[in-house]
Amino acid sequence: MVLLLQNYTLELSGTLAPGDVYVIANASAVAEILAEADITATVTYFNGDDALALRCMNPDTIIDVIGEIGNDPGSGWAVAGVDNATVDKTLIRKPTVTTGNTDWAAQQGTDADDSEWIVMPRRHS
């Protein structure tokens, strides 16, 4: 698997068990975040308004996205009716979502009920 961020690619490998999480932390994050990280990377230019894609390399297929690839939402993407929810917030995929989804409009929803995500306040400063 490869995580694609505009102008950045991070190769991933392994298996993620159901209900588990994989935390990618910026190398300059606070100690509390780094302690939870599965991997660290220097991603200094990501500010919440870039699309992310999870891509399987064989076959070459995008299997999940956050945001719309090639589009700039301005400050950040709205999620579950929360403006700029991809900026300084924690997004948690609802446990009822069991597969990737490349339809960002369907994922983000218009409110907390029809979104695939739970928007939480920023966890650490």
PDB file of N, CA and C in Angstrom:
ATOM      1  N   MET A   1       0.834  -1.177   0.000  1.00  0.00           N
ATOM      2  CA  MET A   1       0.000   0.000   0.000  1.00  0.00           C
ATOM      3  C   MET A   1       0.875   1.235   0.000  1.00  0.00           C
ATOM      4  N   VAL A   2       0.321   2.268  -0.529  1.00  0.00           N
ATOM      5  CA  VAL A   2       1.012   3.547  -0.579  1.00  0.00           C
ATOM      6  C   VAL A   2       0.027   4.616  -0.145  1.00  0.00           C
ATOM      7  N   LEU A   3       0.455   5.495   0.759  1.00  0.00           N
ATOM      8  CA  LEU A   3      -0.335   6.650   1.126  1.00  0.00           C
ATOM      9  C   LEU A   3       0.155   7.796   0.276  1.00  0.00           C
ATOM     10  N   LEU A   4      -0.732   8.396  -0.485  1.00  0.00           N
ATOM     11  CA  LEU A   4      -0.365   9.489  -1.375  1.00  0.00           C
ATOM     12  C   LEU A   4      -0.889  10.797  -0.823  1.00  0.00           C
ATOM     13  N   LEU A   5      -0.014  11.730  -0.682  1.00  0.00           N
ATOM     14  CA  LEU A   5      -0.345  13.082  -0.303  1.00  0.00           C
ATOM     15  C   LEU A   5       0.251  13.936  -1.396  1.00  0.00           C
ATOM     16  N   GLN A   6      -0.381  15.025  -1.730  1.00  0.00           N
ATOM     17  CA  GLN A   6       0.125  15.835  -2.832  1.00  0.00           C
ATOM     18  C   GLN A   6       1.632  16.014  -2.709  1.00  0.00           C
ATOM     19  N   ASN A   7       2.350  15.594  -3.715  1.00  0.00           N
ATOM     20  CA  ASN A   7       3.812  15.688  -3.785  1.00  0.00           C
ATOM     21  C   ASN A   7       4.532  14.852  -2.729  1.00  0.00           C
ATOM     22  N   TYR A   8       3.883  13.865  -2.141  1.00  0.00           N
ATOM     23  CA  TYR A   8       4.510  13.031  -1.126  1.00  0.00           C
ATOM     24  C   TYR A   8       3.929  11.624  -1.213  1.00  0.00           C
ATOM     25  N   THR A   9       4.778  10.621  -1.140  1.00  0.00           N
ATOM     26  CA  THR A   9       4.340   9.228  -1.149  1.00  0.00           C
ATOM     27  C   THR A   9       4.998   8.515   0.016  1.00  0.00           C
ATOM     28  N   LEU A  10       4.231   7.752   0.763  1.00  0.00           N
ATOM     29  CA  LEU A  10       4.735   6.978   1.888  1.00  0.00           C
ATOM     30  C   LEU A  10       4.351   5.527   1.665  1.00  0.00           C
ATOM     31  N   GLU A  11       5.351   4.656   1.486  1.00  0.00           N
ATOM     32  CA  GLU A  11       5.068   3.244   1.260  1.00  0.00           C
ATOM     33  C   GLU A  11       4.768   2.550   2.579  1.00  0.00           C
ATOM     34  N   LEU A  12       3.695   1.774   2.597  1.00  0.00           N
ATOM     35  CA  LEU A  12       3.257   1.040   3.772  1.00  0.00           C
ATOM     36  C   LEU A  12       3.243  -0.447   3.450  1.00  0.00           C
ATOM     37  N   SER A  13       3.369  -1.281   4.474  1.00  0.00           N
ATOM     38  CA  SER A  13       3.257  -2.720   4.267  1.00  0.00           C
ATOM     39  C   SER A  13       2.643  -3.344   5.502  1.00  0.00           C
ATOM     40  N   GLY A  14       2.160  -4.575   5.356  1.00  0.00           N
ATOM     41  CA  GLY A  14       1.592  -5.290   6.493  1.00  0.00           C
ATOM     42  C   GLY A  14       0.084  -5.374   6.428  1.00  0.00           C
ATOM     43  N   THR A  15      -0.480  -5.790   7.542  1.00  0.00           N
ATOM     44  CA  THR A  15      -1.915  -5.991   7.649  1.00  0.00           C
ATOM     45  C   THR A  15      -2.445  -5.225   8.843  1.00  0.00           C
ATOM     46  N   LEU A  16      -3.583  -4.632   8.684  1.00  0.00           N
ATOM     47  CA  LEU A  16      -4.234  -3.908   9.762  1.00  0.00           C
ATOM     48  C   LEU A  16      -5.438  -4.731  10.209  1.00  0.00           C
ATOM     49  N   ALA A  17      -5.432  -5.148  11.464  1.00  0.00           N
ATOM     50  CA  ALA A  17      -6.520  -5.970  12.000  1.00  0.00           C
ATOM     51  C   ALA A  17      -7.807  -5.147  12.103  1.00  0.00           C
ATOM     52  N   PRO A  18      -8.961  -5.792  12.003  1.00  0.00           N
ATOM     53  CA  PRO A  18     -10.228  -5.071  12.168  1.00  0.00           C
ATOM     54  C   PRO A  18     -10.257  -4.324  13.501  1.00  0.00           C
ATOM     55  N   GLY A  19     -10.653  -3.058  13.446  1.00  0.00           N
ATOM     56  CA  GLY A  19     -10.742  -2.239  14.647  1.00  0.00           C
ATOM     57  C   GLY A  19      -9.428  -1.599  15.067  1.00  0.00           C
ATOM     58  N   ASP A  20      -8.331  -1.952  14.400  1.00  0.00           N
ATOM     59  CA  ASP A  20      -7.031  -1.389  14.739  1.00  0.00           C
ATOM     60  C   ASP A  20      -6.840  -0.074  13.986  1.00  0.00           C
ATOM     61  N   VAL A  21      -5.847   0.687  14.384  1.00  0.00           N
ATOM     62  CA  VAL A  21      -5.529   1.936  13.715  1.00  0.00           C
ATOM     63  C   VAL A  21      -4.058   1.939  13.344  1.00  0.00           C
ATOM     64  N   TYR A  22      -3.718   2.752  12.370  1.00  0.00           N
ATOM     65  CA  TYR A  22      -2.335   2.942  11.962  1.00  0.00           C
ATOM     66  C   TYR A  22      -2.089   4.432  12.027  1.00  0.00           C
ATOM     67  N   VAL A  23      -1.193   4.844  12.905  1.00  0.00           N
ATOM     68  CA  VAL A  23      -0.956   6.261  13.136  1.00  0.00           C
ATOM     69  C   VAL A  23       0.331   6.683  12.431  1.00  0.00           C
ATOM     70  N   ILE A  24       0.193   7.655  11.542  1.00  0.00           N
ATOM     71  CA  ILE A  24       1.340   8.259  10.881  1.00  0.00           C
ATOM     72  C   ILE A  24       1.490   9.641  11.494  1.00  0.00           C
ATOM     73  N   ALA A  25       2.610   9.861  12.165  1.00  0.00           N
ATOM     74  CA  ALA A  25       2.827  11.128  12.856  1.00  0.00           C
ATOM     75  C   ALA A  25       3.923  11.924  12.168  1.00  0.00           C
ATOM     76  N   ASN A  26       3.769  13.221  12.190  1.00  0.00           N
ATOM     77  CA  ASN A  26       4.835  14.083  11.720  1.00  0.00           C
ATOM     78  C   ASN A  26       6.006  13.928  12.676  1.00  0.00           C
ATOM     79  N   ALA A  27       7.192  13.856  12.152  1.00  0.00           N
ATOM     80  CA  ALA A  27       8.387  13.640  12.975  1.00  0.00           C
ATOM     81  C   ALA A  27       8.568  14.723  14.032  1.00  0.00           C
ATOM     82  N   SER A  28       7.972  15.888  13.845  1.00  0.00           N
ATOM     83  CA  SER A  28       8.099  16.967  14.828  1.00  0.00           C
ATOM     84  C   SER A  28       6.889  17.069  15.751  1.00  0.00           C
ATOM     85  N   ALA A  29       6.044  16.056  15.774  1.00  0.00           N
ATOM     86  CA  ALA A  29       4.856  16.074  16.639  1.00  0.00           C
ATOM     87  C   ALA A  29       5.261  16.008  18.112  1.00  0.00           C
ATOM     88  N   VAL A  30       4.318  16.354  18.983  1.00  0.00           N
ATOM     89  CA  VAL A  30       4.576  16.288  20.429  1.00  0.00           C
ATOM     90  C   VAL A  30       4.744  14.828  20.853  1.00  0.00           C
ATOM     91  N   ALA A  31       5.381  14.627  21.988  1.00  0.00           N
ATOM     92  CA  ALA A  31       5.725  13.287  22.480  1.00  0.00           C
ATOM     93  C   ALA A  31       4.506  12.384  22.606  1.00  0.00           C
ATOM     94  N   GLU A  32       3.359  12.918  23.003  1.00  0.00           N
ATOM     95  CA  GLU A  32       2.151  12.099  23.171  1.00  0.00           C
ATOM     96  C   GLU A  32       1.712  11.476  21.845  1.00  0.00           C
ATOM     97  N   ILE A  33       1.834  12.212  20.770  1.00  0.00           N
ATOM     98  CA  ILE A  33       1.471  11.682  19.455  1.00  0.00           C
ATOM     99  C   ILE A  33       2.529  10.698  18.980  1.00  0.00           C
ATOM    100  N   LEU A  34       3.790  11.060  19.135  1.00  0.00           N
ATOM    101  CA  LEU A  34       4.869  10.168  18.708  1.00  0.00           C
ATOM    102  C   LEU A  34       4.809   8.825  19.425  1.00  0.00           C
ATOM    103  N   ALA A  35       4.373   8.811  20.676  1.00  0.00           N
ATOM    104  CA  ALA A  35       4.261   7.566  21.439  1.00  0.00           C
ATOM    105  C   ALA A  35       3.211   6.631  20.845  1.00  0.00           C
ATOM    106  N   GLU A  36       2.230   7.179  20.151  1.00  0.00           N
ATOM    107  CA  GLU A  36       1.167   6.375  19.548  1.00  0.00           C
ATOM    108  C   GLU A  36       1.458   6.003  18.101  1.00  0.00           C
ATOM    109  N   ALA A  37       2.485   6.609  17.529  1.00  0.00           N
ATOM    110  CA  ALA A  37       2.754   6.467  16.093  1.00  0.00           C
ATOM    111  C   ALA A  37       3.285   5.089  15.744  1.00  0.00           C
ATOM    112  N   ASP A  38       2.787   4.562  14.629  1.00  0.00           N
ATOM    113  CA  ASP A  38       3.341   3.347  14.034  1.00  0.00           C
ATOM    114  C   ASP A  38       4.538   3.696  13.160  1.00  0.00           C
ATOM    115  N   ILE A  39       4.529   4.911  12.613  1.00  0.00           N
ATOM    116  CA  ILE A  39       5.613   5.385  11.763  1.00  0.00           C
ATOM    117  C   ILE A  39       5.635   6.900  11.855  1.00  0.00           C
ATOM    118  N   THR A  40       6.823   7.474  11.706  1.00  0.00           N
ATOM    119  CA  THR A  40       6.926   8.922  11.638  1.00  0.00           C
ATOM    120  C   THR A  40       7.464   9.301  10.268  1.00  0.00           C
ATOM    121  N   ALA A  41       7.070  10.463   9.831  1.00  0.00           N
ATOM    122  CA  ALA A  41       7.525  10.982   8.545  1.00  0.00           C
ATOM    123  C   ALA A  41       7.565  12.497   8.655  1.00  0.00           C
ATOM    124  N   THR A  42       8.410  13.110   7.890  1.00  0.00           N
ATOM    125  CA  THR A  42       8.459  14.563   7.870  1.00  0.00           C
ATOM    126  C   THR A  42       7.530  15.046   6.772  1.00  0.00           C
ATOM    127  N   VAL A  43       6.382  15.537   7.181  1.00  0.00           N
ATOM    128  CA  VAL A  43       5.356  16.002   6.258  1.00  0.00           C
ATOM    129  C   VAL A  43       5.018  17.431   6.661  1.00  0.00           C
ATOM    130  N   THR A  44       5.975  18.319   6.501  1.00  0.00           N
ATOM    131  CA  THR A  44       5.820  19.680   6.999  1.00  0.00           C
ATOM    132  C   THR A  44       4.826  20.515   6.203  1.00  0.00           C
ATOM    133  N   TYR A  45       4.549  20.144   4.963  1.00  0.00           N
ATOM    134  CA  TYR A  45       3.693  20.974   4.133  1.00  0.00           C
ATOM    135  C   TYR A  45       2.230  20.560   4.162  1.00  0.00           C
ATOM    136  N   PHE A  46       1.880  19.512   4.887  1.00  0.00           N
ATOM    137  CA  PHE A  46       0.471  19.109   4.953  1.00  0.00           C
ATOM    138  C   PHE A  46      -0.240  19.978   5.972  1.00  0.00           C
ATOM    139  N   ASN A  47      -1.263  20.690   5.534  1.00  0.00           N
ATOM    140  CA  ASN A  47      -1.956  21.608   6.431  1.00  0.00           C
ATOM    141  C   ASN A  47      -3.465  21.378   6.487  1.00  0.00           C
ATOM    142  N   GLY A  48      -3.937  20.247   5.975  1.00  0.00           N
ATOM    143  CA  GLY A  48      -5.353  19.934   6.070  1.00  0.00           C
ATOM    144  C   GLY A  48      -6.167  20.218   4.825  1.00  0.00           C
ATOM    145  N   ASP A  49      -5.567  20.879   3.831  1.00  0.00           N
ATOM    146  CA  ASP A  49      -6.343  21.159   2.620  1.00  0.00           C
ATOM    147  C   ASP A  49      -5.870  20.337   1.431  1.00  0.00           C
ATOM    148  N   ASP A  50      -5.060  19.315   1.695  1.00  0.00           N
ATOM    149  CA  ASP A  50      -4.589  18.425   0.640  1.00  0.00           C
ATOM    150  C   ASP A  50      -5.351  17.105   0.710  1.00  0.00           C
ATOM    151  N   ALA A  51      -5.647  16.537  -0.450  1.00  0.00           N
ATOM    152  CA  ALA A  51      -6.301  15.232  -0.486  1.00  0.00           C
ATOM    153  C   ALA A  51      -5.294  14.142  -0.127  1.00  0.00           C
ATOM    154  N   LEU A  52      -5.763  13.083   0.482  1.00  0.00           N
ATOM    155  CA  LEU A  52      -4.972  11.893   0.796  1.00  0.00           C
ATOM    156  C   LEU A  52      -5.596  10.719   0.067  1.00  0.00           C
ATOM    157  N   ALA A  53      -4.764   9.800  -0.407  1.00  0.00           N
ATOM    158  CA  ALA A  53      -5.279   8.594  -1.044  1.00  0.00           C
ATOM    159  C   ALA A  53      -4.503   7.392  -0.549  1.00  0.00           C
ATOM    160  N   LEU A  54      -5.200   6.301  -0.349  1.00  0.00           N
ATOM    161  CA  LEU A  54      -4.575   5.025  -0.029  1.00  0.00           C
ATOM    162  C   LEU A  54      -4.661   4.188  -1.293  1.00  0.00           C
ATOM    163  N   ARG A  55      -3.490   3.790  -1.795  1.00  0.00           N
ATOM    164  CA  ARG A  55      -3.443   3.118  -3.087  1.00  0.00           C
ATOM    165  C   ARG A  55      -2.767   1.763  -2.953  1.00  0.00           C
ATOM    166  N   CYS A  56      -3.397   0.751  -3.504  1.00  0.00           N
ATOM    167  CA  CYS A  56      -2.804  -0.574  -3.615  1.00  0.00           C
ATOM    168  C   CYS A  56      -1.941  -0.555  -4.870  1.00  0.00           C
ATOM    169  N   MET A  57      -0.718  -1.076  -4.766  1.00  0.00           N
ATOM    170  CA  MET A  57       0.196  -1.022  -5.899  1.00  0.00           C
ATOM    171  C   MET A  57      -0.006  -2.165  -6.893  1.00  0.00           C
ATOM    172  N   ASN A  58      -0.620  -3.275  -6.463  1.00  0.00           N
ATOM    173  CA  ASN A  58      -0.779  -4.412  -7.365  1.00  0.00           C
ATOM    174  C   ASN A  58      -2.141  -5.045  -7.155  1.00  0.00           C
ATOM    175  N   PRO A  59      -3.148  -4.765  -7.928  1.00  0.00           N
ATOM    176  CA  PRO A  59      -3.113  -3.864  -9.072  1.00  0.00           C
ATOM    177  C   PRO A  59      -3.124  -2.407  -8.613  1.00  0.00           C
ATOM    178  N   ASP A  60      -2.685  -1.508  -9.457  1.00  0.00           N
ATOM    179  CA  ASP A  60      -2.601  -0.085  -9.143  1.00  0.00           C
ATOM    180  C   ASP A  60      -4.010   0.495  -9.056  1.00  0.00           C
ATOM    181  N   THR A  61      -4.513   0.588  -7.819  1.00  0.00           N
ATOM    182  CA  THR A  61      -5.898   0.998  -7.604  1.00  0.00           C
ATOM    183  C   THR A  61      -5.992   1.859  -6.353  1.00  0.00           C
ATOM    184  N   ILE A  62      -6.641   2.998  -6.449  1.00  0.00           N
ATOM    185  CA  ILE A  62      -6.923   3.796  -5.263  1.00  0.00           C
ATOM    186  C   ILE A  62      -8.091   3.138  -4.548  1.00  0.00           C
ATOM    187  N   ILE A  63      -7.918   2.879  -3.237  1.00  0.00           N
ATOM    188  CA  ILE A  63      -8.958   2.182  -2.486  1.00  0.00           C
ATOM    189  C   ILE A  63      -9.646   3.052  -1.434  1.00  0.00           C
ATOM    190  N   ASP A  64      -9.073   4.208  -1.122  1.00  0.00           N
ATOM    191  CA  ASP A  64      -9.695   5.087  -0.140  1.00  0.00           C
ATOM    192  C   ASP A  64      -9.125   6.489  -0.310  1.00  0.00           C
ATOM    193  N   VAL A  65      -9.926   7.506  -0.008  1.00  0.00           N
ATOM    194  CA  VAL A  65      -9.469   8.889  -0.124  1.00  0.00           C
ATOM    195  C   VAL A  65     -10.023   9.724   1.024  1.00  0.00           C
ATOM    196  N   ILE A  66      -9.343  10.804   1.281  1.00  0.00           N
ATOM    197  CA  ILE A  66      -9.875  11.900   2.086  1.00  0.00           C
ATOM    198  C   ILE A  66      -9.686  13.129   1.218  1.00  0.00           C
ATOM    199  N   GLY A  67     -10.765  13.799   0.871  1.00  0.00           N
ATOM    200  CA  GLY A  67     -10.698  14.950  -0.010  1.00  0.00           C
ATOM    201  C   GLY A  67     -10.814  14.541  -1.466  1.00  0.00           C
ATOM    202  N   GLU A  68     -10.785  15.531  -2.326  1.00  0.00           N
ATOM    203  CA  GLU A  68     -10.878  15.309  -3.767  1.00  0.00           C
ATOM    204  C   GLU A  68      -9.520  15.578  -4.397  1.00  0.00           C
ATOM    205  N   ILE A  69      -8.932  14.544  -4.977  1.00  0.00           N
ATOM    206  CA  ILE A  69      -7.619  14.667  -5.595  1.00  0.00           C
ATOM    207  C   ILE A  69      -7.681  15.706  -6.710  1.00  0.00           C
ATOM    208  N   GLY A  70      -6.753  16.660  -6.672  1.00  0.00           N
ATOM    209  CA  GLY A  70      -6.688  17.701  -7.689  1.00  0.00           C
ATOM    210  C   GLY A  70      -7.504  18.936  -7.372  1.00  0.00           C
ATOM    211  N   ASN A  71      -8.287  18.910  -6.312  1.00  0.00           N
ATOM    212  CA  ASN A  71      -9.088  20.079  -5.930  1.00  0.00           C
ATOM    213  C   ASN A  71      -8.568  20.669  -4.631  1.00  0.00           C
ATOM    214  N   ASP A  72      -8.614  21.986  -4.521  1.00  0.00           N
ATOM    215  CA  ASP A  72      -8.191  22.694  -3.314  1.00  0.00           C
ATOM    216  C   ASP A  72      -9.435  23.300  -2.666  1.00  0.00           C
ATOM    217  N   PRO A  73      -9.780  22.849  -1.440  1.00  0.00           N
ATOM    218  CA  PRO A  73     -10.999  23.342  -0.809  1.00  0.00           C
ATOM    219  C   PRO A  73     -10.847  24.723  -0.169  1.00  0.00           C
ATOM    220  N   GLY A  74      -9.667  25.303  -0.247  1.00  0.00           N
ATOM    221  CA  GLY A  74      -9.405  26.550   0.473  1.00  0.00           C
ATOM    222  C   GLY A  74      -8.668  26.211   1.756  1.00  0.00           C
ATOM    223  N   SER A  75      -9.294  26.408   2.883  1.00  0.00           N
ATOM    224  CA  SER A  75      -8.636  26.148   4.172  1.00  0.00           C
ATOM    225  C   SER A  75      -8.632  24.671   4.543  1.00  0.00           C
ATOM    226  N   GLY A  76      -9.717  23.955   4.303  1.00  0.00           N
ATOM    227  CA  GLY A  76      -9.816  22.547   4.660  1.00  0.00           C
ATOM    228  C   GLY A  76     -11.112  21.967   4.140  1.00  0.00           C
ATOM    229  N   TRP A  77     -11.254  20.655   4.292  1.00  0.00           N
ATOM    230  CA  TRP A  77     -12.438  19.949   3.813  1.00  0.00           C
ATOM    231  C   TRP A  77     -13.510  19.924   4.906  1.00  0.00           C
ATOM    232  N   ALA A  78     -14.749  20.119   4.505  1.00  0.00           N
ATOM    233  CA  ALA A  78     -15.873  19.947   5.430  1.00  0.00           C
ATOM    234  C   ALA A  78     -16.117  18.456   5.597  1.00  0.00           C
ATOM    235  N   VAL A  79     -16.403  18.038   6.824  1.00  0.00           N
ATOM    236  CA  VAL A  79     -16.708  16.641   7.118  1.00  0.00           C
ATOM    237  C   VAL A  79     -17.830  16.625   8.148  1.00  0.00           C
ATOM    238  N   ALA A  80     -18.859  15.847   7.895  1.00  0.00           N
ATOM    239  CA  ALA A  80     -19.977  15.681   8.827  1.00  0.00           C
ATOM    240  C   ALA A  80     -20.606  17.018   9.212  1.00  0.00           C
ATOM    241  N   GLY A  81     -20.627  17.948   8.262  1.00  0.00           N
ATOM    242  CA  GLY A  81     -21.215  19.250   8.522  1.00  0.00           C
ATOM    243  C   GLY A  81     -20.307  20.214   9.270  1.00  0.00           C
ATOM    244  N   VAL A  82     -19.061  19.823   9.530  1.00  0.00           N
ATOM    245  CA  VAL A  82     -18.105  20.675  10.237  1.00  0.00           C
ATOM    246  C   VAL A  82     -17.167  21.305   9.207  1.00  0.00           C
ATOM    247  N   ASP A  83     -17.200  22.630   9.086  1.00  0.00           N
ATOM    248  CA  ASP A  83     -16.307  23.315   8.158  1.00  0.00           C
ATOM    249  C   ASP A  83     -14.856  23.108   8.571  1.00  0.00           C
ATOM    250  N   ASN A  84     -13.973  22.963   7.590  1.00  0.00           N
ATOM    251  CA  ASN A  84     -12.530  22.819   7.828  1.00  0.00           C
ATOM    252  C   ASN A  84     -12.199  21.700   8.814  1.00  0.00           C
ATOM    253  N   ALA A  85     -12.926  20.613   8.742  1.00  0.00           N
ATOM    254  CA  ALA A  85     -12.737  19.504   9.686  1.00  0.00           C
ATOM    255  C   ALA A  85     -11.422  18.775   9.499  1.00  0.00           C
ATOM    256  N   THR A  86     -10.756  18.974   8.372  1.00  0.00           N
ATOM    257  CA  THR A  86      -9.467  18.319   8.146  1.00  0.00           C
ATOM    258  C   THR A  86      -8.296  19.165   8.650  1.00  0.00           C
ATOM    259  N   VAL A  87      -8.601  20.274   9.307  1.00  0.00           N
ATOM    260  CA  VAL A  87      -7.571  21.155   9.853  1.00  0.00           C
ATOM    261  C   VAL A  87      -7.657  21.137  11.377  1.00  0.00           C
ATOM    262  N   ASP A  88      -6.580  20.714  12.021  1.00  0.00           N
ATOM    263  CA  ASP A  88      -6.482  20.749  13.488  1.00  0.00           C
ATOM    264  C   ASP A  88      -7.622  20.025  14.194  1.00  0.00           C
ATOM    265  N   LYS A  89      -8.053  18.928  13.606  1.00  0.00           N
ATOM    266  CA  LYS A  89      -9.074  18.075  14.219  1.00  0.00           C
ATOM    267  C   LYS A  89      -8.614  16.628  14.070  1.00  0.00           C
ATOM    268  N   THR A  90      -9.264  15.737  14.776  1.00  0.00           N
ATOM    269  CA  THR A  90      -9.010  14.299  14.645  1.00  0.00           C
ATOM    270  C   THR A  90     -10.212  13.688  13.959  1.00  0.00           C
ATOM    271  N   LEU A  91      -9.978  13.001  12.846  1.00  0.00           N
ATOM    272  CA  LEU A  91     -11.054  12.295  12.143  1.00  0.00           C
ATOM    273  C   LEU A  91     -10.950  10.820  12.479  1.00  0.00           C
ATOM    274  N   ILE A  92     -12.054  10.248  12.898  1.00  0.00           N
ATOM    275  CA  ILE A  92     -12.117   8.824  13.240  1.00  0.00           C
ATOM    276  C   ILE A  92     -13.163   8.185  12.345  1.00  0.00           C
ATOM    277  N   ARG A  93     -12.787   7.139  11.633  1.00  0.00           N
ATOM    278  CA  ARG A  93     -13.735   6.440  10.771  1.00  0.00           C
ATOM    279  C   ARG A  93     -14.731   5.702  11.657  1.00  0.00           C
ATOM    280  N   LYS A  94     -15.996   5.803  11.338  1.00  0.00           N
ATOM    281  CA  LYS A  94     -17.020   5.105  12.116  1.00  0.00           C
ATOM    282  C   LYS A  94     -16.790   3.597  12.042  1.00  0.00           C
ATOM    283  N   PRO A  95     -17.005   2.891  13.141  1.00  0.00           N
ATOM    284  CA  PRO A  95     -16.756   1.445  13.148  1.00  0.00           C
ATOM    285  C   PRO A  95     -17.644   0.662  12.184  1.00  0.00           C
ATOM    286  N   THR A  96     -18.715   1.260  11.723  1.00  0.00           N
ATOM    287  CA  THR A  96     -19.590   0.587  10.766  1.00  0.00           C
ATOM    288  C   THR A  96     -19.016   0.593   9.358  1.00  0.00           C
ATOM    289  N   VAL A  97     -17.981   1.401   9.115  1.00  0.00           N
ATOM    290  CA  VAL A  97     -17.336   1.463   7.799  1.00  0.00           C
ATOM    291  C   VAL A  97     -16.264   0.383   7.761  1.00  0.00           C
ATOM    292  N   THR A  98     -16.427  -0.568   6.870  1.00  0.00           N
ATOM    293  CA  THR A  98     -15.517  -1.714   6.838  1.00  0.00           C
ATOM    294  C   THR A  98     -14.702  -1.831   5.560  1.00  0.00           C
ATOM    295  N   THR A  99     -14.918  -0.917   4.610  1.00  0.00           N
ATOM    296  CA  THR A  99     -14.144  -0.934   3.371  1.00  0.00           C
ATOM    297  C   THR A  99     -13.788   0.495   2.989  1.00  0.00           C
ATOM    298  N   GLY A 100     -12.789   0.624   2.131  1.00  0.00           N
ATOM    299  CA  GLY A 100     -12.426   1.933   1.626  1.00  0.00           C
ATOM    300  C   GLY A 100     -13.530   2.496   0.743  1.00  0.00           C
ATOM    301  N   ASN A 101     -13.465   3.800   0.520  1.00  0.00           N
ATOM    302  CA  ASN A 101     -14.478   4.471  -0.279  1.00  0.00           C
ATOM    303  C   ASN A 101     -13.793   5.585  -1.054  1.00  0.00           C
ATOM    304  N   THR A 102     -13.854   5.544  -2.365  1.00  0.00           N
ATOM    305  CA  THR A 102     -13.225   6.579  -3.183  1.00  0.00           C
ATOM    306  C   THR A 102     -14.183   7.718  -3.533  1.00  0.00           C
ATOM    307  N   ASP A 103     -15.396   7.678  -3.020  1.00  0.00           N
ATOM    308  CA  ASP A 103     -16.377   8.736  -3.253  1.00  0.00           C
ATOM    309  C   ASP A 103     -16.359   9.684  -2.055  1.00  0.00           C
ATOM    310  N   TRP A 104     -15.571  10.745  -2.159  1.00  0.00           N
ATOM    311  CA  TRP A 104     -15.395  11.656  -1.036  1.00  0.00           C
ATOM    312  C   TRP A 104     -16.712  12.299  -0.610  1.00  0.00           C
ATOM    313  N   ALA A 105     -17.558  12.681  -1.547  1.00  0.00           N
ATOM    314  CA  ALA A 105     -18.833  13.307  -1.185  1.00  0.00           C
ATOM    315  C   ALA A 105     -19.680  12.370  -0.325  1.00  0.00           C
ATOM    316  N   ALA A 106     -19.672  11.088  -0.658  1.00  0.00           N
ATOM    317  CA  ALA A 106     -20.426  10.115   0.143  1.00  0.00           C
ATOM    318  C   ALA A 106     -19.793   9.922   1.519  1.00  0.00           C
ATOM    319  N   GLN A 107     -18.469   9.939   1.586  1.00  0.00           N
ATOM    320  CA  GLN A 107     -17.776   9.783   2.867  1.00  0.00           C
ATOM    321  C   GLN A 107     -18.004  10.957   3.795  1.00  0.00           C
ATOM    322  N   GLN A 108     -17.786  12.166   3.269  1.00  0.00           N
ATOM    323  CA  GLN A 108     -17.812  13.339   4.131  1.00  0.00           C
ATOM    324  C   GLN A 108     -19.204  13.627   4.670  1.00  0.00           C
ATOM    325  N   GLY A 109     -20.225  13.317   3.900  1.00  0.00           N
ATOM    326  CA  GLY A 109     -21.590  13.547   4.342  1.00  0.00           C
ATOM    327  C   GLY A 109     -21.893  15.019   4.562  1.00  0.00           C
ATOM    328  N   THR A 110     -23.094  15.274   5.030  1.00  0.00           N
ATOM    329  CA  THR A 110     -23.518  16.647   5.296  1.00  0.00           C
ATOM    330  C   THR A 110     -23.753  16.903   6.774  1.00  0.00           C
ATOM    331  N   ASP A 111     -23.806  15.828   7.567  1.00  0.00           N
ATOM    332  CA  ASP A 111     -23.971  15.954   9.021  1.00  0.00           C
ATOM    333  C   ASP A 111     -23.397  14.713   9.695  1.00  0.00           C
ATOM    334  N   ALA A 112     -23.452  14.664  11.008  1.00  0.00           N
ATOM    335  CA  ALA A 112     -22.859  13.553  11.769  1.00  0.00           C
ATOM    336  C   ALA A 112     -23.526  12.218  11.457  1.00  0.00           C
ATOM    337  N   ASP A 113     -24.783  12.235  11.031  1.00  0.00           N
ATOM    338  CA  ASP A 113     -25.492  10.982  10.763  1.00  0.00           C
ATOM    339  C   ASP A 113     -25.110  10.345   9.434  1.00  0.00           C
ATOM    340  N   ASP A 114     -24.936  11.155   8.368  1.00  0.00           N
ATOM    341  CA  ASP A 114     -24.683  10.554   7.057  1.00  0.00           C
ATOM    342  C   ASP A 114     -23.202  10.553   6.654  1.00  0.00           C
ATOM    343  N   SER A 115     -22.322  10.984   7.540  1.00  0.00           N
ATOM    344  CA  SER A 115     -20.894  10.958   7.264  1.00  0.00           C
ATOM    345  C   SER A 115     -20.294   9.621   7.703  1.00  0.00           C
ATOM    346  N   GLU A 116     -19.209   9.200   7.044  1.00  0.00           N
ATOM    347  CA  GLU A 116     -18.477   8.011   7.461  1.00  0.00           C
ATOM    348  C   GLU A 116     -17.488   8.328   8.583  1.00  0.00           C
ATOM    349  N   TRP A 117     -17.415   9.584   8.984  1.00  0.00           N
ATOM    350  CA  TRP A 117     -16.401  10.049   9.926  1.00  0.00           C
ATOM    351  C   TRP A 117     -17.008  10.667  11.170  1.00  0.00           C
ATOM    352  N   ILE A 118     -16.275  10.561  12.258  1.00  0.00           N
ATOM    353  CA  ILE A 118     -16.571  11.286  13.486  1.00  0.00           C
ATOM    354  C   ILE A 118     -15.503  12.362  13.598  1.00  0.00           C
ATOM    355  N   VAL A 119     -15.910  13.591  13.763  1.00  0.00           N
ATOM    356  CA  VAL A 119     -14.963  14.707  13.878  1.00  0.00           C
ATOM    357  C   VAL A 119     -14.787  15.029  15.357  1.00  0.00           C
ATOM    358  N   MET A 120     -13.548  14.951  15.805  1.00  0.00           N
ATOM    359  CA  MET A 120     -13.219  15.228  17.199  1.00  0.00           C
ATOM    360  C   MET A 120     -12.323  16.457  17.274  1.00  0.00           C
ATOM    361  N   PRO A 121     -12.315  17.132  18.420  1.00  0.00           N
ATOM    362  CA  PRO A 121     -11.409  18.266  18.563  1.00  0.00           C
ATOM    363  C   PRO A 121      -9.946  17.828  18.453  1.00  0.00           C
ATOM    364  N   ARG A 122      -9.094  18.784  18.242  1.00  0.00           N
ATOM    365  CA  ARG A 122      -7.648  18.528  18.189  1.00  0.00           C
ATOM    366  C   ARG A 122      -7.228  17.854  19.494  1.00  0.00           C
ATOM    367  N   ARG A 123      -6.476  16.749  19.383  1.00  0.00           N
ATOM    368  CA  ARG A 123      -6.116  15.976  20.572  1.00  0.00           C
ATOM    369  C   ARG A 123      -4.940  16.539  21.324  1.00  0.00           C
ATOM    370  N   HIS A 124      -3.975  17.093  20.634  1.00  0.00           N
ATOM    371  CA  HIS A 124      -2.765  17.592  21.277  1.00  0.00           C
ATOM    372  C   HIS A 124      -2.337  18.870  20.588  1.00  0.00           C
ATOM    373  N   SER A 125      -1.646  19.692  21.333  1.00  0.00           N
ATOM    374  CA  SER A 125      -1.133  20.913  20.712  1.00  0.00           C
ATOM    375  C   SER A 125       0.351  20.825  20.533  1.00  0.00           C
TER     376      SER A 125
END
